[in-house]
PDB file of all heavy atoms in Angstrom:
ATOM      1  N   GLN A   1     190.205 152.699-106.888  1.00  0.00           N
ATOM      2  CA  GLN A   1     191.417 153.510-107.066  1.00  0.00           C
ATOM      3  C   GLN A   1     192.637 152.639-107.130  1.00  0.00           C
ATOM      4  O   GLN A   1     193.579 152.947-107.931  1.00  0.00           O
ATOM      5  CB  GLN A   1     191.552 154.513-105.906  1.00  0.00           C
ATOM      6  CG  GLN A   1     190.482 155.617-105.992  1.00  0.00           C
ATOM      7  CD  GLN A   1     190.474 156.494-104.760  1.00  0.00           C
ATOM      8  OE1 GLN A   1     191.420 157.255-104.524  1.00  0.00           O
ATOM      9  NE2 GLN A   1     189.440 156.393-103.928  1.00  0.00           N
ATOM     10  N   HIS A   2     192.690 151.599-106.355  1.00  0.00           N
ATOM     11  CA  HIS A   2     193.828 150.636-106.451  1.00  0.00           C
ATOM     12  C   HIS A   2     193.920 150.034-107.846  1.00  0.00           C
ATOM     13  O   HIS A   2     195.025 149.760-108.351  1.00  0.00           O
ATOM     14  CB  HIS A   2     193.633 149.589-105.396  1.00  0.00           C
ATOM     15  CG  HIS A   2     194.698 148.514-105.429  1.00  0.00           C
ATOM     16  ND1 HIS A   2     195.973 148.671-104.973  1.00  0.00           N
ATOM     17  CD2 HIS A   2     194.672 147.216-105.836  1.00  0.00           C
ATOM     18  CE1 HIS A   2     196.703 147.616-105.102  1.00  0.00           C
ATOM     19  NE2 HIS A   2     195.927 146.687-105.636  1.00  0.00           N
ATOM     20  N   GLU A   3     192.759 149.853-108.466  1.00  0.00           N
ATOM     21  CA  GLU A   3     192.748 149.276-109.824  1.00  0.00           C
ATOM     22  C   GLU A   3     192.907 150.313-110.932  1.00  0.00           C
ATOM     23  O   GLU A   3     192.993 150.006-112.115  1.00  0.00           O
ATOM     24  CB  GLU A   3     191.401 148.541-110.043  1.00  0.00           C
ATOM     25  CG  GLU A   3     191.181 147.323-109.098  1.00  0.00           C
ATOM     26  CD  GLU A   3     192.181 146.225-109.387  1.00  0.00           C
ATOM     27  OE1 GLU A   3     192.622 146.091-110.568  1.00  0.00           O
ATOM     28  OE2 GLU A   3     192.503 145.465-108.453  1.00  0.00           O
ATOM     29  N   GLY A   4     192.986 151.591-110.531  1.00  0.00           N
ATOM     30  CA  GLY A   4     193.265 152.632-111.471  1.00  0.00           C
ATOM     31  C   GLY A   4     192.072 153.377-112.014  1.00  0.00           C
ATOM     32  O   GLY A   4     192.171 154.073-113.044  1.00  0.00           O
ATOM     33  N   PHE A   5     190.923 153.318-111.319  1.00  0.00           N
ATOM     34  CA  PHE A   5     189.682 153.905-111.823  1.00  0.00           C
ATOM     35  C   PHE A   5     189.102 154.954-110.806  1.00  0.00           C
ATOM     36  O   PHE A   5     189.152 154.688-109.587  1.00  0.00           O
ATOM     37  CB  PHE A   5     188.645 152.874-112.151  1.00  0.00           C
ATOM     38  CG  PHE A   5     189.050 151.948-113.292  1.00  0.00           C
ATOM     39  CD1 PHE A   5     189.715 150.770-113.029  1.00  0.00           C
ATOM     40  CD2 PHE A   5     188.757 152.333-114.601  1.00  0.00           C
ATOM     41  CE1 PHE A   5     190.079 149.924-114.048  1.00  0.00           C
ATOM     42  CE2 PHE A   5     189.151 151.492-115.614  1.00  0.00           C
ATOM     43  CZ  PHE A   5     189.807 150.303-115.413  1.00  0.00           C
ATOM     44  N   ALA A   6     188.564 155.999-111.351  1.00  0.00           N
ATOM     45  CA  ALA A   6     187.832 156.962-110.517  1.00  0.00           C
ATOM     46  C   ALA A   6     186.432 156.426-110.218  1.00  0.00           C
ATOM     47  O   ALA A   6     185.921 155.571-110.908  1.00  0.00           O
ATOM     48  CB  ALA A   6     187.763 158.299-111.251  1.00  0.00           C
ATOM     49  N   SER A   7     185.844 156.983-109.145  1.00  0.00           N
ATOM     50  CA  SER A   7     184.497 156.579-108.772  1.00  0.00           C
ATOM     51  C   SER A   7     183.819 157.781-108.017  1.00  0.00           C
ATOM     52  O   SER A   7     184.501 158.795-107.769  1.00  0.00           O
ATOM     53  CB  SER A   7     184.504 155.356-107.845  1.00  0.00           C
ATOM     54  OG  SER A   7     185.378 155.533-106.735  1.00  0.00           O
ATOM     55  N   LEU A   8     182.564 157.600-107.695  1.00  0.00           N
ATOM     56  CA  LEU A   8     181.776 158.741-107.170  1.00  0.00           C
ATOM     57  C   LEU A   8     181.384 158.523-105.730  1.00  0.00           C
ATOM     58  O   LEU A   8     180.554 157.660-105.412  1.00  0.00           O
ATOM     59  CB  LEU A   8     180.550 158.964-108.016  1.00  0.00           C
ATOM     60  CG  LEU A   8     180.676 159.980-109.158  1.00  0.00           C
ATOM     61  CD1 LEU A   8     179.421 159.930-110.013  1.00  0.00           C
ATOM     62  CD2 LEU A   8     180.920 161.378-108.595  1.00  0.00           C
ATOM     63  N   HIS A   9     181.949 159.353-104.850  1.00  0.00           N
ATOM     64  CA  HIS A   9     181.518 159.419-103.468  1.00  0.00           C
ATOM     65  C   HIS A   9     180.238 160.349-103.490  1.00  0.00           C
ATOM     66  O   HIS A   9     180.387 161.581-103.637  1.00  0.00           O
ATOM     67  CB  HIS A   9     182.611 160.066-102.642  1.00  0.00           C
ATOM     68  CG  HIS A   9     182.341 160.139-101.160  1.00  0.00           C
ATOM     69  ND1 HIS A   9     181.577 161.092-100.585  1.00  0.00           N
ATOM     70  CD2 HIS A   9     182.769 159.334-100.137  1.00  0.00           C
ATOM     71  CE1 HIS A   9     181.514 160.944 -99.273  1.00  0.00           C
ATOM     72  NE2 HIS A   9     182.229 159.885 -98.984  1.00  0.00           N
ATOM     73  N   ALA A  10     179.076 159.757-103.363  1.00  0.00           N
ATOM     74  CA  ALA A  10     177.842 160.528-103.637  1.00  0.00           C
ATOM     75  C   ALA A  10     176.615 159.892-102.954  1.00  0.00           C
ATOM     76  O   ALA A  10     176.689 158.764-102.442  1.00  0.00           O
ATOM     77  CB  ALA A  10     177.628 160.556-105.161  1.00  0.00           C
ATOM     78  N   PRO A  11     175.512 160.624-102.921  1.00  0.00           N
ATOM     79  CA  PRO A  11     174.264 160.141-102.278  1.00  0.00           C
ATOM     80  C   PRO A  11     173.821 158.806-102.852  1.00  0.00           C
ATOM     81  O   PRO A  11     174.103 158.449-104.001  1.00  0.00           O
ATOM     82  CB  PRO A  11     173.271 161.230-102.604  1.00  0.00           C
ATOM     83  CG  PRO A  11     174.113 162.470-102.741  1.00  0.00           C
ATOM     84  CD  PRO A  11     175.339 162.030-103.423  1.00  0.00           C
ATOM     85  N   MET A  12     173.055 158.088-102.022  1.00  0.00           N
ATOM     86  CA  MET A  12     172.624 156.725-102.409  1.00  0.00           C
ATOM     87  C   MET A  12     171.065 156.656-102.420  1.00  0.00           C
ATOM     88  O   MET A  12     170.374 157.701-102.532  1.00  0.00           O
ATOM     89  CB  MET A  12     173.222 155.697-101.478  1.00  0.00           C
ATOM     90  CG  MET A  12     174.725 155.692-101.551  1.00  0.00           C
ATOM     91  SD  MET A  12     175.577 154.481-100.499  1.00  0.00           S
ATOM     92  CE  MET A  12     175.377 155.249 -98.857  1.00  0.00           C
ATOM     93  N   ALA A  13     170.528 155.441-102.225  1.00  0.00           N
ATOM     94  CA  ALA A  13     169.092 155.279-102.529  1.00  0.00           C
ATOM     95  C   ALA A  13     168.197 156.069-101.573  1.00  0.00           C
ATOM     96  O   ALA A  13     167.169 156.648-102.045  1.00  0.00           O
ATOM     97  CB  ALA A  13     168.752 153.786-102.384  1.00  0.00           C
ATOM     98  N   ARG A  14     168.450 156.105-100.293  1.00  0.00           N
ATOM     99  CA  ARG A  14     167.624 156.859 -99.357  1.00  0.00           C
ATOM    100  C   ARG A  14     167.509 158.294 -99.785  1.00  0.00           C
ATOM    101  O   ARG A  14     166.425 158.895 -99.769  1.00  0.00           O
ATOM    102  CB  ARG A  14     168.043 156.695 -97.920  1.00  0.00           C
ATOM    103  CG  ARG A  14     167.097 157.319 -96.909  1.00  0.00           C
ATOM    104  CD  ARG A  14     167.634 157.209 -95.464  1.00  0.00           C
ATOM    105  NE  ARG A  14     166.595 157.687 -94.524  1.00  0.00           N
ATOM    106  CZ  ARG A  14     166.310 158.933 -94.287  1.00  0.00           C
ATOM    107  NH1 ARG A  14     166.958 159.914 -94.919  1.00  0.00           N
ATOM    108  NH2 ARG A  14     165.364 159.244 -93.416  1.00  0.00           N
ATOM    109  N   HIS A  15     168.662 158.925-100.028  1.00  0.00           N
ATOM    110  CA  HIS A  15     168.667 160.314-100.436  1.00  0.00           C
ATOM    111  C   HIS A  15     167.865 160.537-101.705  1.00  0.00           C
ATOM    112  O   HIS A  15     167.093 161.502-101.786  1.00  0.00           O
ATOM    113  CB  HIS A  15     170.130 160.728-100.690  1.00  0.00           C
ATOM    114  CG  HIS A  15     170.291 162.187-100.921  1.00  0.00           C
ATOM    115  ND1 HIS A  15     170.904 163.057-100.027  1.00  0.00           N
ATOM    116  CD2 HIS A  15     169.986 162.968-101.971  1.00  0.00           C
ATOM    117  CE1 HIS A  15     170.909 164.276-100.516  1.00  0.00           C
ATOM    118  NE2 HIS A  15     170.367 164.253-101.724  1.00  0.00           N
ATOM    119  N   LEU A  16     168.038 159.651-102.687  1.00  0.00           N
ATOM    120  CA  LEU A  16     167.304 159.824-103.942  1.00  0.00           C
ATOM    121  C   LEU A  16     165.804 159.615-103.788  1.00  0.00           C
ATOM    122  O   LEU A  16     165.035 160.043-104.610  1.00  0.00           O
ATOM    123  CB  LEU A  16     167.854 158.841-104.997  1.00  0.00           C
ATOM    124  CG  LEU A  16     169.325 159.044-105.371  1.00  0.00           C
ATOM    125  CD1 LEU A  16     169.761 158.029-106.419  1.00  0.00           C
ATOM    126  CD2 LEU A  16     169.561 160.495-105.874  1.00  0.00           C
ATOM    127  N   THR A  17     165.425 158.968-102.679  1.00  0.00           N
ATOM    128  CA  THR A  17     163.958 158.707-102.434  1.00  0.00           C
ATOM    129  C   THR A  17     163.367 159.853-101.684  1.00  0.00           C
ATOM    130  O   THR A  17     162.291 160.314-102.016  1.00  0.00           O
ATOM    131  CB  THR A  17     163.831 157.432-101.590  1.00  0.00           C
ATOM    132  OG1 THR A  17     164.324 156.324-102.371  1.00  0.00           O
ATOM    133  CG2 THR A  17     162.352 157.148-101.285  1.00  0.00           C
ATOM    134  N   VAL A  18     164.033 160.306-100.610  1.00  0.00           N
ATOM    135  CA  VAL A  18     163.348 161.255 -99.664  1.00  0.00           C
ATOM    136  C   VAL A  18     163.575 162.721-100.020  1.00  0.00           C
ATOM    137  O   VAL A  18     162.763 163.580 -99.617  1.00  0.00           O
ATOM    138  CB  VAL A  18     163.800 161.007 -98.218  1.00  0.00           C
ATOM    139  CG1 VAL A  18     163.549 159.548 -97.790  1.00  0.00           C
ATOM    140  CG2 VAL A  18     165.267 161.336 -98.031  1.00  0.00           C
ATOM    141  N   GLU A  19     164.643 163.050-100.774  1.00  0.00           N
ATOM    142  CA  GLU A  19     164.880 164.443-101.100  1.00  0.00           C
ATOM    143  C   GLU A  19     164.084 164.883-102.350  1.00  0.00           C
ATOM    144  O   GLU A  19     163.832 164.045-103.203  1.00  0.00           O
ATOM    145  CB  GLU A  19     166.363 164.698-101.308  1.00  0.00           C
ATOM    146  CG  GLU A  19     167.236 164.389-100.123  1.00  0.00           C
ATOM    147  CD  GLU A  19     166.895 165.247 -98.898  1.00  0.00           C
ATOM    148  OE1 GLU A  19     166.434 166.384 -99.098  1.00  0.00           O
ATOM    149  OE2 GLU A  19     167.126 164.771 -97.769  1.00  0.00           O
ATOM    150  N   PRO A  20     163.645 166.110-102.395  1.00  0.00           N
ATOM    151  CA  PRO A  20     162.817 166.550-103.497  1.00  0.00           C
ATOM    152  C   PRO A  20     163.542 166.599-104.818  1.00  0.00           C
ATOM    153  O   PRO A  20     164.797 166.495-104.896  1.00  0.00           O
ATOM    154  CB  PRO A  20     162.379 167.970-103.052  1.00  0.00           C
ATOM    155  CG  PRO A  20     163.471 168.408-102.123  1.00  0.00           C
ATOM    156  CD  PRO A  20     163.910 167.185-101.427  1.00  0.00           C
ATOM    157  N   SER A  21     162.816 166.757-105.883  1.00  0.00           N
ATOM    158  CA  SER A  21     163.388 166.749-107.264  1.00  0.00           C
ATOM    159  C   SER A  21     164.456 167.827-107.469  1.00  0.00           C
ATOM    160  O   SER A  21     165.342 167.634-108.262  1.00  0.00           O
ATOM    161  CB  SER A  21     162.279 166.904-108.292  1.00  0.00           C
ATOM    162  OG  SER A  21     161.547 168.083-108.147  1.00  0.00           O
ATOM    163  N   GLY A  22     164.290 168.967-106.766  1.00  0.00           N
ATOM    164  CA  GLY A  22     165.258 170.037-106.930  1.00  0.00           C
ATOM    165  C   GLY A  22     166.429 169.966-105.991  1.00  0.00           C
ATOM    166  O   GLY A  22     167.189 170.924-105.875  1.00  0.00           O
ATOM    167  N   ASP A  23     166.589 168.857-105.252  1.00  0.00           N
ATOM    168  CA  ASP A  23     167.686 168.715-104.301  1.00  0.00           C
ATOM    169  C   ASP A  23     169.039 168.999-104.957  1.00  0.00           C
ATOM    170  O   ASP A  23     169.361 168.457-106.000  1.00  0.00           O
ATOM    171  CB  ASP A  23     167.625 167.308-103.710  1.00  0.00           C
ATOM    172  CG  ASP A  23     168.817 167.017-102.829  1.00  0.00           C
ATOM    173  OD1 ASP A  23     168.922 167.646-101.739  1.00  0.00           O
ATOM    174  OD2 ASP A  23     169.686 166.206-103.212  1.00  0.00           O
ATOM    175  N   VAL A  24     169.848 169.792-104.269  1.00  0.00           N
ATOM    176  CA  VAL A  24     171.132 170.208-104.804  1.00  0.00           C
ATOM    177  C   VAL A  24     172.115 169.054-105.029  1.00  0.00           C
ATOM    178  O   VAL A  24     172.708 168.895-106.044  1.00  0.00           O
ATOM    179  CB  VAL A  24     171.790 171.255-103.880  1.00  0.00           C
ATOM    180  CG1 VAL A  24     173.204 171.570-104.348  1.00  0.00           C
ATOM    181  CG2 VAL A  24     170.960 172.532-103.835  1.00  0.00           C
ATOM    182  N   ALA A  25     172.209 168.186-104.009  1.00  0.00           N
ATOM    183  CA  ALA A  25     173.135 167.065-104.110  1.00  0.00           C
ATOM    184  C   ALA A  25     172.700 166.067-105.209  1.00  0.00           C
ATOM    185  O   ALA A  25     173.574 165.557-105.958  1.00  0.00           O
ATOM    186  CB  ALA A  25     173.257 166.362-102.777  1.00  0.00           C
ATOM    187  N   ALA A  26     171.428 165.739-105.242  1.00  0.00           N
ATOM    188  CA  ALA A  26     170.952 164.830-106.274  1.00  0.00           C
ATOM    189  C   ALA A  26     171.149 165.407-107.675  1.00  0.00           C
ATOM    190  O   ALA A  26     171.576 164.693-108.614  1.00  0.00           O
ATOM    191  CB  ALA A  26     169.512 164.501-106.059  1.00  0.00           C
ATOM    192  N   GLN A  27     170.875 166.671-107.831  1.00  0.00           N
ATOM    193  CA  GLN A  27     171.069 167.311-109.123  1.00  0.00           C
ATOM    194  C   GLN A  27     172.535 167.332-109.509  1.00  0.00           C
ATOM    195  O   GLN A  27     172.881 167.170-110.679  1.00  0.00           O
ATOM    196  CB  GLN A  27     170.514 168.723-109.120  1.00  0.00           C
ATOM    197  CG  GLN A  27     170.565 169.440-110.486  1.00  0.00           C
ATOM    198  CD  GLN A  27     169.734 168.718-111.547  1.00  0.00           C
ATOM    199  OE1 GLN A  27     168.587 168.347-111.300  1.00  0.00           O
ATOM    200  NE2 GLN A  27     170.321 168.540-112.708  1.00  0.00           N
TER     201      GLN A  27
END
């Protein structure tokens, strides 16, 4: 943000591994 760009506050590797394919946050 200091450099002027947006980014994503979002789930990471563990979430993408353990949550099912229909997971709301991953989708």
